[in-house]
Amino acid sequence: MRFSIKVRPRLQHKFPGYECDGATPMKVKTTETLVECRKMCKRLQGCFAIQYNNKKRCRIYDKQPTRLVESNQGTTCEIAAQNCDTSSELSLLAINKKTPGADDNIIVG
């Protein structure tokens, strides 16, 4: 019997209405759908996050974004889980905290 384990990260953390910030995209392409953008991320080694907007722009990040910036509803930031330890994963407790002095930023890590 054969078994396989998937070790590639999945884009588990989805933030519609927010842009990824604090990291430089390794690739920027035009794709027809968000699903195509996700598939491109899965094909690339080292994809940590994607950002897709209503202008069909797909940005792929090879580093974890450090914060989220509020944007229009046509934009979404999706971040892959990198660790099985829920206490360290993206500092999820910090996601609901606003950055001091800025009403449109959310701290991610």
PDB file of N, CA and C in Angstrom:
ATOM      1  N   MET A   1       0.840  -1.174   0.000  1.00  0.00           N
ATOM      2  CA  MET A   1       0.000   0.000   0.000  1.00  0.00           C
ATOM      3  C   MET A   1       0.887   1.240   0.000  1.00  0.00           C
ATOM      4  N   ARG A   2       0.529   2.225  -0.817  1.00  0.00           N
ATOM      5  CA  ARG A   2       1.329   3.444  -0.913  1.00  0.00           C
ATOM      6  C   ARG A   2       0.613   4.589  -0.189  1.00  0.00           C
ATOM      7  N   PHE A   3       1.419   5.390   0.464  1.00  0.00           N
ATOM      8  CA  PHE A   3       0.910   6.571   1.139  1.00  0.00           C
ATOM      9  C   PHE A   3       1.699   7.777   0.658  1.00  0.00           C
ATOM     10  N   SER A   4       1.051   8.891   0.655  1.00  0.00           N
ATOM     11  CA  SER A   4       1.773  10.124   0.319  1.00  0.00           C
ATOM     12  C   SER A   4       1.371  11.211   1.292  1.00  0.00           C
ATOM     13  N   ILE A   5       2.317  12.058   1.582  1.00  0.00           N
ATOM     14  CA  ILE A   5       2.079  13.183   2.479  1.00  0.00           C
ATOM     15  C   ILE A   5       2.319  14.454   1.695  1.00  0.00           C
ATOM     16  N   LYS A   6       1.353  15.353   1.755  1.00  0.00           N
ATOM     17  CA  LYS A   6       1.524  16.636   1.083  1.00  0.00           C
ATOM     18  C   LYS A   6       2.236  17.584   2.032  1.00  0.00           C
ATOM     19  N   VAL A   7       3.357  18.110   1.573  1.00  0.00           N
ATOM     20  CA  VAL A   7       4.122  19.023   2.408  1.00  0.00           C
ATOM     21  C   VAL A   7       4.060  20.458   1.899  1.00  0.00           C
ATOM     22  N   ARG A   8       3.457  20.664   0.771  1.00  0.00           N
ATOM     23  CA  ARG A   8       3.327  22.016   0.251  1.00  0.00           C
ATOM     24  C   ARG A   8       2.305  22.792   1.053  1.00  0.00           C
ATOM     25  N   PRO A   9       2.577  24.038   1.310  1.00  0.00           N
ATOM     26  CA  PRO A   9       1.609  24.833   2.064  1.00  0.00           C
ATOM     27  C   PRO A   9       0.355  25.114   1.242  1.00  0.00           C
ATOM     28  N   ARG A  10      -0.743  25.179   1.920  1.00  0.00           N
ATOM     29  CA  ARG A  10      -2.011  25.559   1.307  1.00  0.00           C
ATOM     30  C   ARG A  10      -2.330  26.988   1.735  1.00  0.00           C
ATOM     31  N   LEU A  11      -3.051  27.684   0.912  1.00  0.00           N
ATOM     32  CA  LEU A  11      -3.433  29.062   1.235  1.00  0.00           C
ATOM     33  C   LEU A  11      -4.645  29.015   2.162  1.00  0.00           C
ATOM     34  N   GLN A  12      -4.374  28.808   3.446  1.00  0.00           N
ATOM     35  CA  GLN A  12      -5.436  28.563   4.416  1.00  0.00           C
ATOM     36  C   GLN A  12      -6.025  29.831   5.009  1.00  0.00           C
ATOM     37  N   HIS A  13      -5.267  30.901   5.045  1.00  0.00           N
ATOM     38  CA  HIS A  13      -5.721  32.126   5.692  1.00  0.00           C
ATOM     39  C   HIS A  13      -6.121  33.123   4.613  1.00  0.00           C
ATOM     40  N   LYS A  14      -7.427  33.382   4.506  1.00  0.00           N
ATOM     41  CA  LYS A  14      -7.952  34.233   3.442  1.00  0.00           C
ATOM     42  C   LYS A  14      -8.475  35.541   4.035  1.00  0.00           C
ATOM     43  N   PHE A  15      -8.066  36.652   3.408  1.00  0.00           N
ATOM     44  CA  PHE A  15      -8.443  37.972   3.892  1.00  0.00           C
ATOM     45  C   PHE A  15      -9.035  38.800   2.750  1.00  0.00           C
ATOM     46  N   PRO A  16     -10.318  38.603   2.438  1.00  0.00           N
ATOM     47  CA  PRO A  16     -10.933  39.408   1.378  1.00  0.00           C
ATOM     48  C   PRO A  16     -11.040  40.863   1.814  1.00  0.00           C
ATOM     49  N   GLY A  17     -10.769  41.771   0.878  1.00  0.00           N
ATOM     50  CA  GLY A  17     -10.816  43.193   1.193  1.00  0.00           C
ATOM     51  C   GLY A  17      -9.508  43.736   1.745  1.00  0.00           C
ATOM     52  N   TYR A  18      -8.456  42.916   1.750  1.00  0.00           N
ATOM     53  CA  TYR A  18      -7.148  43.339   2.263  1.00  0.00           C
ATOM     54  C   TYR A  18      -6.047  43.032   1.259  1.00  0.00           C
ATOM     55  N   GLU A  19      -5.011  43.861   1.260  1.00  0.00           N
ATOM     56  CA  GLU A  19      -3.817  43.642   0.447  1.00  0.00           C
ATOM     57  C   GLU A  19      -2.706  43.112   1.345  1.00  0.00           C
ATOM     58  N   CYS A  20      -1.867  42.248   0.788  1.00  0.00           N
ATOM     59  CA  CYS A  20      -0.668  41.787   1.488  1.00  0.00           C
ATOM     60  C   CYS A  20       0.342  42.933   1.468  1.00  0.00           C
ATOM     61  N   ASP A  21       1.037  43.144   2.584  1.00  0.00           N
ATOM     62  CA  ASP A  21       2.026  44.215   2.639  1.00  0.00           C
ATOM     63  C   ASP A  21       3.210  43.748   3.481  1.00  0.00           C
ATOM     64  N   GLY A  22       4.350  44.342   3.240  1.00  0.00           N
ATOM     65  CA  GLY A  22       5.546  44.018   4.005  1.00  0.00           C
ATOM     66  C   GLY A  22       6.418  42.963   3.348  1.00  0.00           C
ATOM     67  N   ALA A  23       6.078  42.581   2.131  1.00  0.00           N
ATOM     68  CA  ALA A  23       6.891  41.623   1.372  1.00  0.00           C
ATOM     69  C   ALA A  23       6.835  42.019  -0.097  1.00  0.00           C
ATOM     70  N   THR A  24       7.902  41.715  -0.823  1.00  0.00           N
ATOM     71  CA  THR A  24       7.961  42.018  -2.254  1.00  0.00           C
ATOM     72  C   THR A  24       7.522  40.797  -3.043  1.00  0.00           C
ATOM     73  N   PRO A  25       6.607  40.972  -4.009  1.00  0.00           N
ATOM     74  CA  PRO A  25       6.189  39.804  -4.794  1.00  0.00           C
ATOM     75  C   PRO A  25       7.328  39.252  -5.638  1.00  0.00           C
ATOM     76  N   MET A  26       7.420  37.924  -5.720  1.00  0.00           N
ATOM     77  CA  MET A  26       8.439  37.313  -6.562  1.00  0.00           C
ATOM     78  C   MET A  26       7.941  37.186  -7.996  1.00  0.00           C
ATOM     79  N   LYS A  27       6.623  37.253  -8.189  1.00  0.00           N
ATOM     80  CA  LYS A  27       6.060  37.145  -9.526  1.00  0.00           C
ATOM     81  C   LYS A  27       4.744  37.915  -9.577  1.00  0.00           C
ATOM     82  N   VAL A  28       4.527  38.646 -10.668  1.00  0.00           N
ATOM     83  CA  VAL A  28       3.273  39.364 -10.893  1.00  0.00           C
ATOM     84  C   VAL A  28       2.798  39.001 -12.286  1.00  0.00           C
ATOM     85  N   LYS A  29       1.596  38.442 -12.372  1.00  0.00           N
ATOM     86  CA  LYS A  29       1.040  38.026 -13.658  1.00  0.00           C
ATOM     87  C   LYS A  29      -0.435  38.375 -13.722  1.00  0.00           C
ATOM     88  N   THR A  30      -0.961  38.400 -14.920  1.00  0.00           N
ATOM     89  CA  THR A  30      -2.389  38.575 -15.122  1.00  0.00           C
ATOM     90  C   THR A  30      -3.007  37.190 -15.288  1.00  0.00           C
ATOM     91  N   THR A  31      -4.008  36.888 -14.476  1.00  0.00           N
ATOM     92  CA  THR A  31      -4.725  35.619 -14.574  1.00  0.00           C
ATOM     93  C   THR A  31      -6.217  35.921 -14.647  1.00  0.00           C
ATOM     94  N   GLU A  32      -6.957  35.033 -15.246  1.00  0.00           N
ATOM     95  CA  GLU A  32      -8.395  35.256 -15.414  1.00  0.00           C
ATOM     96  C   GLU A  32      -9.175  35.130 -14.111  1.00  0.00           C
ATOM     97  N   THR A  33      -8.736  34.227 -13.230  1.00  0.00           N
ATOM     98  CA  THR A  33      -9.493  33.987 -12.000  1.00  0.00           C
ATOM     99  C   THR A  33      -8.551  33.836 -10.805  1.00  0.00           C
ATOM    100  N   LEU A  34      -9.145  33.927  -9.632  1.00  0.00           N
ATOM    101  CA  LEU A  34      -8.420  33.695  -8.390  1.00  0.00           C
ATOM    102  C   LEU A  34      -7.943  32.246  -8.321  1.00  0.00           C
ATOM    103  N   VAL A  35      -8.743  31.323  -8.838  1.00  0.00           N
ATOM    104  CA  VAL A  35      -8.370  29.904  -8.841  1.00  0.00           C
ATOM    105  C   VAL A  35      -7.090  29.688  -9.648  1.00  0.00           C
ATOM    106  N   GLU A  36      -6.949  30.357 -10.797  1.00  0.00           N
ATOM    107  CA  GLU A  36      -5.722  30.252 -11.593  1.00  0.00           C
ATOM    108  C   GLU A  36      -4.527  30.791 -10.825  1.00  0.00           C
ATOM    109  N   CYS A  37      -4.747  31.864 -10.087  1.00  0.00           N
ATOM    110  CA  CYS A  37      -3.678  32.456  -9.274  1.00  0.00           C
ATOM    111  C   CYS A  37      -3.228  31.458  -8.202  1.00  0.00           C
ATOM    112  N   ARG A  38      -4.194  30.793  -7.554  1.00  0.00           N
ATOM    113  CA  ARG A  38      -3.860  29.781  -6.547  1.00  0.00           C
ATOM    114  C   ARG A  38      -3.088  28.619  -7.162  1.00  0.00           C
ATOM    115  N   LYS A  39      -3.504  28.182  -8.354  1.00  0.00           N
ATOM    116  CA  LYS A  39      -2.820  27.072  -9.025  1.00  0.00           C
ATOM    117  C   LYS A  39      -1.384  27.440  -9.373  1.00  0.00           C
ATOM    118  N   MET A  40      -1.177  28.690  -9.789  1.00  0.00           N
ATOM    119  CA  MET A  40       0.174  29.139 -10.107  1.00  0.00           C
ATOM    120  C   MET A  40       1.048  29.104  -8.844  1.00  0.00           C
ATOM    121  N   CYS A  41       0.477  29.493  -7.723  1.00  0.00           N
ATOM    122  CA  CYS A  41       1.193  29.453  -6.448  1.00  0.00           C
ATOM    123  C   CYS A  41       1.586  28.025  -6.106  1.00  0.00           C
ATOM    124  N   LYS A  42       0.676  27.088  -6.295  1.00  0.00           N
ATOM    125  CA  LYS A  42       0.966  25.689  -5.970  1.00  0.00           C
ATOM    126  C   LYS A  42       2.075  25.118  -6.844  1.00  0.00           C
ATOM    127  N   ARG A  43       2.167  25.593  -8.083  1.00  0.00           N
ATOM    128  CA  ARG A  43       3.210  25.098  -8.995  1.00  0.00           C
ATOM    129  C   ARG A  43       4.590  25.665  -8.668  1.00  0.00           C
ATOM    130  N   LEU A  44       4.627  26.826  -8.033  1.00  0.00           N
ATOM    131  CA  LEU A  44       5.909  27.464  -7.721  1.00  0.00           C
ATOM    132  C   LEU A  44       6.403  27.042  -6.345  1.00  0.00           C
ATOM    133  N   GLN A  45       7.647  26.650  -6.284  1.00  0.00           N
ATOM    134  CA  GLN A  45       8.233  26.279  -5.003  1.00  0.00           C
ATOM    135  C   GLN A  45       8.477  27.534  -4.183  1.00  0.00           C
ATOM    136  N   GLY A  46       8.132  27.481  -2.923  1.00  0.00           N
ATOM    137  CA  GLY A  46       8.386  28.606  -2.035  1.00  0.00           C
ATOM    138  C   GLY A  46       7.307  29.671  -2.042  1.00  0.00           C
ATOM    139  N   CYS A  47       6.117  29.372  -2.514  1.00  0.00           N
ATOM    140  CA  CYS A  47       5.026  30.344  -2.506  1.00  0.00           C
ATOM    141  C   CYS A  47       4.436  30.402  -1.096  1.00  0.00           C
ATOM    142  N   PHE A  48       4.469  31.593  -0.492  1.00  0.00           N
ATOM    143  CA  PHE A  48       3.953  31.777   0.861  1.00  0.00           C
ATOM    144  C   PHE A  48       2.616  32.501   0.889  1.00  0.00           C
ATOM    145  N   ALA A  49       2.328  33.296  -0.156  1.00  0.00           N
ATOM    146  CA  ALA A  49       1.091  34.076  -0.162  1.00  0.00           C
ATOM    147  C   ALA A  49       0.776  34.533  -1.576  1.00  0.00           C
ATOM    148  N   ILE A  50      -0.505  34.864  -1.791  1.00  0.00           N
ATOM    149  CA  ILE A  50      -0.915  35.476  -3.055  1.00  0.00           C
ATOM    150  C   ILE A  50      -1.798  36.674  -2.755  1.00  0.00           C
ATOM    151  N   GLN A  51      -1.817  37.570  -3.704  1.00  0.00           N
ATOM    152  CA  GLN A  51      -2.745  38.696  -3.656  1.00  0.00           C
ATOM    153  C   GLN A  51      -3.393  38.776  -5.030  1.00  0.00           C
ATOM    154  N   TYR A  52      -4.715  38.823  -5.061  1.00  0.00           N
ATOM    155  CA  TYR A  52      -5.441  38.885  -6.329  1.00  0.00           C
ATOM    156  C   TYR A  52      -6.419  40.050  -6.246  1.00  0.00           C
ATOM    157  N   ASN A  53      -6.526  40.809  -7.349  1.00  0.00           N
ATOM    158  CA  ASN A  53      -7.477  41.917  -7.335  1.00  0.00           C
ATOM    159  C   ASN A  53      -8.422  41.844  -8.525  1.00  0.00           C
ATOM    160  N   ASN A  54      -9.409  42.724  -8.534  1.00  0.00           N
ATOM    161  CA  ASN A  54     -10.444  42.694  -9.577  1.00  0.00           C
ATOM    162  C   ASN A  54      -9.919  43.142 -10.938  1.00  0.00           C
ATOM    163  N   LYS A  55      -8.665  43.570 -11.018  1.00  0.00           N
ATOM    164  CA  LYS A  55      -8.037  43.892 -12.305  1.00  0.00           C
ATOM    165  C   LYS A  55      -7.301  42.673 -12.863  1.00  0.00           C
ATOM    166  N   LYS A  56      -7.553  41.512 -12.252  1.00  0.00           N
ATOM    167  CA  LYS A  56      -6.988  40.225 -12.658  1.00  0.00           C
ATOM    168  C   LYS A  56      -5.477  40.155 -12.482  1.00  0.00           C
ATOM    169  N   ARG A  57      -4.959  40.906 -11.503  1.00  0.00           N
ATOM    170  CA  ARG A  57      -3.529  40.907 -11.194  1.00  0.00           C
ATOM    171  C   ARG A  57      -3.265  39.904 -10.089  1.00  0.00           C
ATOM    172  N   CYS A  58      -2.367  38.979 -10.334  1.00  0.00           N
ATOM    173  CA  CYS A  58      -1.982  37.964  -9.362  1.00  0.00           C
ATOM    174  C   CYS A  58      -0.552  38.240  -8.927  1.00  0.00           C
ATOM    175  N   ARG A  59      -0.368  38.468  -7.646  1.00  0.00           N
ATOM    176  CA  ARG A  59       0.965  38.667  -7.086  1.00  0.00           C
ATOM    177  C   ARG A  59       1.289  37.472  -6.210  1.00  0.00           C
ATOM    178  N   ILE A  60       2.452  36.883  -6.430  1.00  0.00           N
ATOM    179  CA  ILE A  60       2.873  35.713  -5.668  1.00  0.00           C
ATOM    180  C   ILE A  60       4.080  36.108  -4.822  1.00  0.00           C
ATOM    181  N   TYR A  61       4.010  35.777  -3.541  1.00  0.00           N
ATOM    182  CA  TYR A  61       5.050  36.155  -2.587  1.00  0.00           C
ATOM    183  C   TYR A  61       5.835  34.937  -2.136  1.00  0.00           C
ATOM    184  N   ASP A  62       7.161  35.083  -2.045  1.00  0.00           N
ATOM    185  CA  ASP A  62       7.993  34.006  -1.539  1.00  0.00           C
ATOM    186  C   ASP A  62       8.377  34.230  -0.080  1.00  0.00           C
ATOM    187  N   LYS A  63       7.858  35.292   0.509  1.00  0.00           N
ATOM    188  CA  LYS A  63       8.030  35.573   1.940  1.00  0.00           C
ATOM    189  C   LYS A  63       6.664  35.898   2.523  1.00  0.00           C
ATOM    190  N   GLN A  64       6.515  35.610   3.791  1.00  0.00           N
ATOM    191  CA  GLN A  64       5.242  35.879   4.453  1.00  0.00           C
ATOM    192  C   GLN A  64       5.041  37.381   4.617  1.00  0.00           C
ATOM    193  N   PRO A  65       3.903  37.923   4.169  1.00  0.00           N
ATOM    194  CA  PRO A  65       3.622  39.341   4.393  1.00  0.00           C
ATOM    195  C   PRO A  65       3.571  39.625   5.892  1.00  0.00           C
ATOM    196  N   THR A  66       4.000  40.813   6.285  1.00  0.00           N
ATOM    197  CA  THR A  66       4.034  41.142   7.705  1.00  0.00           C
ATOM    198  C   THR A  66       2.781  41.852   8.182  1.00  0.00           C
ATOM    199  N   ARG A  67       1.990  42.375   7.260  1.00  0.00           N
ATOM    200  CA  ARG A  67       0.748  43.031   7.665  1.00  0.00           C
ATOM    201  C   ARG A  67      -0.237  43.037   6.508  1.00  0.00           C
ATOM    202  N   LEU A  68      -1.466  43.348   6.838  1.00  0.00           N
ATOM    203  CA  LEU A  68      -2.536  43.466   5.856  1.00  0.00           C
ATOM    204  C   LEU A  68      -3.000  44.904   5.822  1.00  0.00           C
ATOM    205  N   VAL A  69      -3.249  45.418   4.624  1.00  0.00           N
ATOM    206  CA  VAL A  69      -3.720  46.785   4.462  1.00  0.00           C
ATOM    207  C   VAL A  69      -5.117  46.728   3.880  1.00  0.00           C
ATOM    208  N   GLU A  70      -6.046  47.412   4.517  1.00  0.00           N
ATOM    209  CA  GLU A  70      -7.427  47.411   4.049  1.00  0.00           C
ATOM    210  C   GLU A  70      -7.504  47.991   2.645  1.00  0.00           C
ATOM    211  N   SER A  71      -8.278  47.355   1.779  1.00  0.00           N
ATOM    212  CA  SER A  71      -8.391  47.755   0.386  1.00  0.00           C
ATOM    213  C   SER A  71      -9.850  47.614  -0.040  1.00  0.00           C
ATOM    214  N   ASN A  72     -10.086  47.632  -1.350  1.00  0.00           N
ATOM    215  CA  ASN A  72     -11.455  47.460  -1.826  1.00  0.00           C
ATOM    216  C   ASN A  72     -11.856  45.990  -1.758  1.00  0.00           C
ATOM    217  N   GLN A  73     -13.134  45.705  -1.932  1.00  0.00           N
ATOM    218  CA  GLN A  73     -13.636  44.336  -1.818  1.00  0.00           C
ATOM    219  C   GLN A  73     -13.172  43.434  -2.950  1.00  0.00           C
ATOM    220  N   GLY A  74     -12.658  43.993  -4.039  1.00  0.00           N
ATOM    221  CA  GLY A  74     -12.188  43.188  -5.148  1.00  0.00           C
ATOM    222  C   GLY A  74     -10.799  42.615  -4.947  1.00  0.00           C
ATOM    223  N   THR A  75     -10.163  42.953  -3.845  1.00  0.00           N
ATOM    224  CA  THR A  75      -8.804  42.484  -3.554  1.00  0.00           C
ATOM    225  C   THR A  75      -8.847  41.454  -2.442  1.00  0.00           C
ATOM    226  N   THR A  76      -8.009  40.439  -2.551  1.00  0.00           N
ATOM    227  CA  THR A  76      -7.907  39.446  -1.482  1.00  0.00           C
ATOM    228  C   THR A  76      -6.447  39.053  -1.279  1.00  0.00           C
ATOM    229  N   CYS A  77      -6.082  38.829  -0.045  1.00  0.00           N
ATOM    230  CA  CYS A  77      -4.753  38.339   0.314  1.00  0.00           C
ATOM    231  C   CYS A  77      -4.949  36.966   0.940  1.00  0.00           C
ATOM    232  N   GLU A  78      -4.200  35.976   0.463  1.00  0.00           N
ATOM    233  CA  GLU A  78      -4.284  34.621   1.005  1.00  0.00           C
ATOM    234  C   GLU A  78      -2.882  34.186   1.402  1.00  0.00           C
ATOM    235  N   ILE A  79      -2.762  33.702   2.630  1.00  0.00           N
ATOM    236  CA  ILE A  79      -1.463  33.354   3.183  1.00  0.00           C
ATOM    237  C   ILE A  79      -1.446  31.867   3.527  1.00  0.00           C
ATOM    238  N   ALA A  80      -0.365  31.196   3.160  1.00  0.00           N
ATOM    239  CA  ALA A  80      -0.221  29.758   3.412  1.00  0.00           C
ATOM    240  C   ALA A  80       0.230  29.504   4.841  1.00  0.00           C
ATOM    241  N   ALA A  81      -0.295  28.429   5.406  1.00  0.00           N
ATOM    242  CA  ALA A  81       0.159  27.985   6.723  1.00  0.00           C
ATOM    243  C   ALA A  81       1.571  27.436   6.568  1.00  0.00           C
ATOM    244  N   GLN A  82       2.457  27.821   7.445  1.00  0.00           N
ATOM    245  CA  GLN A  82       3.845  27.383   7.359  1.00  0.00           C
ATOM    246  C   GLN A  82       4.257  26.507   8.526  1.00  0.00           C
ATOM    247  N   ASN A  83       3.404  26.388   9.525  1.00  0.00           N
ATOM    248  CA  ASN A  83       3.796  25.733  10.750  1.00  0.00           C
ATOM    249  C   ASN A  83       2.583  25.026  11.340  1.00  0.00           C
ATOM    250  N   CYS A  84       2.762  23.870  11.906  1.00  0.00           N
ATOM    251  CA  CYS A  84       1.644  23.156  12.529  1.00  0.00           C
ATOM    252  C   CYS A  84       1.351  23.673  13.930  1.00  0.00           C
ATOM    253  N   ASP A  85       2.248  24.453  14.479  1.00  0.00           N
ATOM    254  CA  ASP A  85       2.072  24.995  15.818  1.00  0.00           C
ATOM    255  C   ASP A  85       1.117  26.179  15.751  1.00  0.00           C
ATOM    256  N   THR A  86      -0.093  26.020  16.269  1.00  0.00           N
ATOM    257  CA  THR A  86      -1.099  27.076  16.173  1.00  0.00           C
ATOM    258  C   THR A  86      -0.735  28.305  16.986  1.00  0.00           C
ATOM    259  N   SER A  87       0.113  28.172  18.000  1.00  0.00           N
ATOM    260  CA  SER A  87       0.469  29.345  18.795  1.00  0.00           C
ATOM    261  C   SER A  87       1.374  30.298  18.020  1.00  0.00           C
ATOM    262  N   SER A  88       2.138  29.774  17.059  1.00  0.00           N
ATOM    263  CA  SER A  88       3.042  30.641  16.318  1.00  0.00           C
ATOM    264  C   SER A  88       2.528  30.960  14.917  1.00  0.00           C
ATOM    265  N   GLU A  89       1.532  30.236  14.456  1.00  0.00           N
ATOM    266  CA  GLU A  89       1.060  30.398  13.087  1.00  0.00           C
ATOM    267  C   GLU A  89       0.491  31.787  12.858  1.00  0.00           C
ATOM    268  N   LEU A  90       1.230  32.611  12.149  1.00  0.00           N
ATOM    269  CA  LEU A  90       0.832  33.959  11.740  1.00  0.00           C
ATOM    270  C   LEU A  90       0.510  34.897  12.878  1.00  0.00           C
ATOM    271  N   SER A  91       0.755  34.485  14.086  1.00  0.00           N
ATOM    272  CA  SER A  91       0.333  35.272  15.245  1.00  0.00           C
ATOM    273  C   SER A  91      -1.141  35.642  15.083  1.00  0.00           C
ATOM    274  N   LEU A  92      -1.951  34.638  14.897  1.00  0.00           N
ATOM    275  CA  LEU A  92      -3.367  34.871  14.595  1.00  0.00           C
ATOM    276  C   LEU A  92      -4.073  35.709  15.649  1.00  0.00           C
ATOM    277  N   LEU A  93      -3.572  35.698  16.871  1.00  0.00           N
ATOM    278  CA  LEU A  93      -4.193  36.535  17.888  1.00  0.00           C
ATOM    279  C   LEU A  93      -4.003  38.010  17.579  1.00  0.00           C
ATOM    280  N   ALA A  94      -2.934  38.348  16.857  1.00  0.00           N
ATOM    281  CA  ALA A  94      -2.639  39.744  16.542  1.00  0.00           C
ATOM    282  C   ALA A  94      -3.449  40.247  15.363  1.00  0.00           C
ATOM    283  N   ILE A  95      -4.102  39.361  14.620  1.00  0.00           N
ATOM    284  CA  ILE A  95      -4.815  39.794  13.424  1.00  0.00           C
ATOM    285  C   ILE A  95      -5.945  40.755  13.753  1.00  0.00           C
ATOM    286  N   ASN A  96      -6.573  40.598  14.897  1.00  0.00           N
ATOM    287  CA  ASN A  96      -7.682  41.466  15.259  1.00  0.00           C
ATOM    288  C   ASN A  96      -7.232  42.781  15.888  1.00  0.00           C
ATOM    289  N   LYS A  97      -5.931  42.935  16.109  1.00  0.00           N
ATOM    290  CA  LYS A  97      -5.425  44.163  16.707  1.00  0.00           C
ATOM    291  C   LYS A  97      -5.016  45.142  15.617  1.00  0.00           C
ATOM    292  N   LYS A  98      -5.407  46.378  15.745  1.00  0.00           N
ATOM    293  CA  LYS A  98      -5.025  47.413  14.784  1.00  0.00           C
ATOM    294  C   LYS A  98      -3.625  47.917  15.098  1.00  0.00           C
ATOM    295  N   THR A  99      -2.923  48.330  14.068  1.00  0.00           N
ATOM    296  CA  THR A  99      -1.617  48.931  14.235  1.00  0.00           C
ATOM    297  C   THR A  99      -1.798  50.297  14.907  1.00  0.00           C
ATOM    298  N   PRO A 100      -1.035  50.602  15.940  1.00  0.00           N
ATOM    299  CA  PRO A 100      -1.186  51.890  16.609  1.00  0.00           C
ATOM    300  C   PRO A 100      -0.982  53.053  15.642  1.00  0.00           C
ATOM    301  N   GLY A 101      -1.921  53.974  15.647  1.00  0.00           N
ATOM    302  CA  GLY A 101      -1.808  55.169  14.826  1.00  0.00           C
ATOM    303  C   GLY A 101      -2.268  54.998  13.391  1.00  0.00           C
ATOM    304  N   ALA A 102      -2.713  53.832  12.995  1.00  0.00           N
ATOM    305  CA  ALA A 102      -3.183  53.619  11.628  1.00  0.00           C
ATOM    306  C   ALA A 102      -4.423  52.738  11.683  1.00  0.00           C
ATOM    307  N   ASP A 103      -5.543  53.256  11.174  1.00  0.00           N
ATOM    308  CA  ASP A 103      -6.799  52.531  11.251  1.00  0.00           C
ATOM    309  C   ASP A 103      -6.966  51.491  10.164  1.00  0.00           C
ATOM    310  N   ASP A 104      -6.118  51.486   9.152  1.00  0.00           N
ATOM    311  CA  ASP A 104      -6.334  50.574   8.036  1.00  0.00           C
ATOM    312  C   ASP A 104      -5.330  49.428   7.956  1.00  0.00           C
ATOM    313  N   ASN A 105      -4.523  49.228   8.974  1.00  0.00           N
ATOM    314  CA  ASN A 105      -3.520  48.158   8.940  1.00  0.00           C
ATOM    315  C   ASN A 105      -3.806  47.100   9.981  1.00  0.00           C
ATOM    316  N   ILE A 106      -3.479  45.874   9.658  1.00  0.00           N
ATOM    317  CA  ILE A 106      -3.591  44.764  10.595  1.00  0.00           C
ATOM    318  C   ILE A 106      -2.236  44.087  10.653  1.00  0.00           C
ATOM    319  N   ILE A 107      -1.750  43.827  11.838  1.00  0.00           N
ATOM    320  CA  ILE A 107      -0.450  43.170  12.000  1.00  0.00           C
ATOM    321  C   ILE A 107      -0.641  41.680  11.803  1.00  0.00           C
ATOM    322  N   VAL A 108       0.223  41.054  10.997  1.00  0.00           N
ATOM    323  CA  VAL A 108       0.101  39.633  10.730  1.00  0.00           C
ATOM    324  C   VAL A 108       1.123  38.837  11.525  1.00  0.00           C
ATOM    325  N   GLY A 109       2.351  39.267  11.591  1.00  0.00           N
ATOM    326  CA  GLY A 109       3.346  38.440  12.252  1.00  0.00           C
ATOM    327  C   GLY A 109       4.244  39.205  13.145  1.00  0.00           C
TER     328      GLY A 109
END
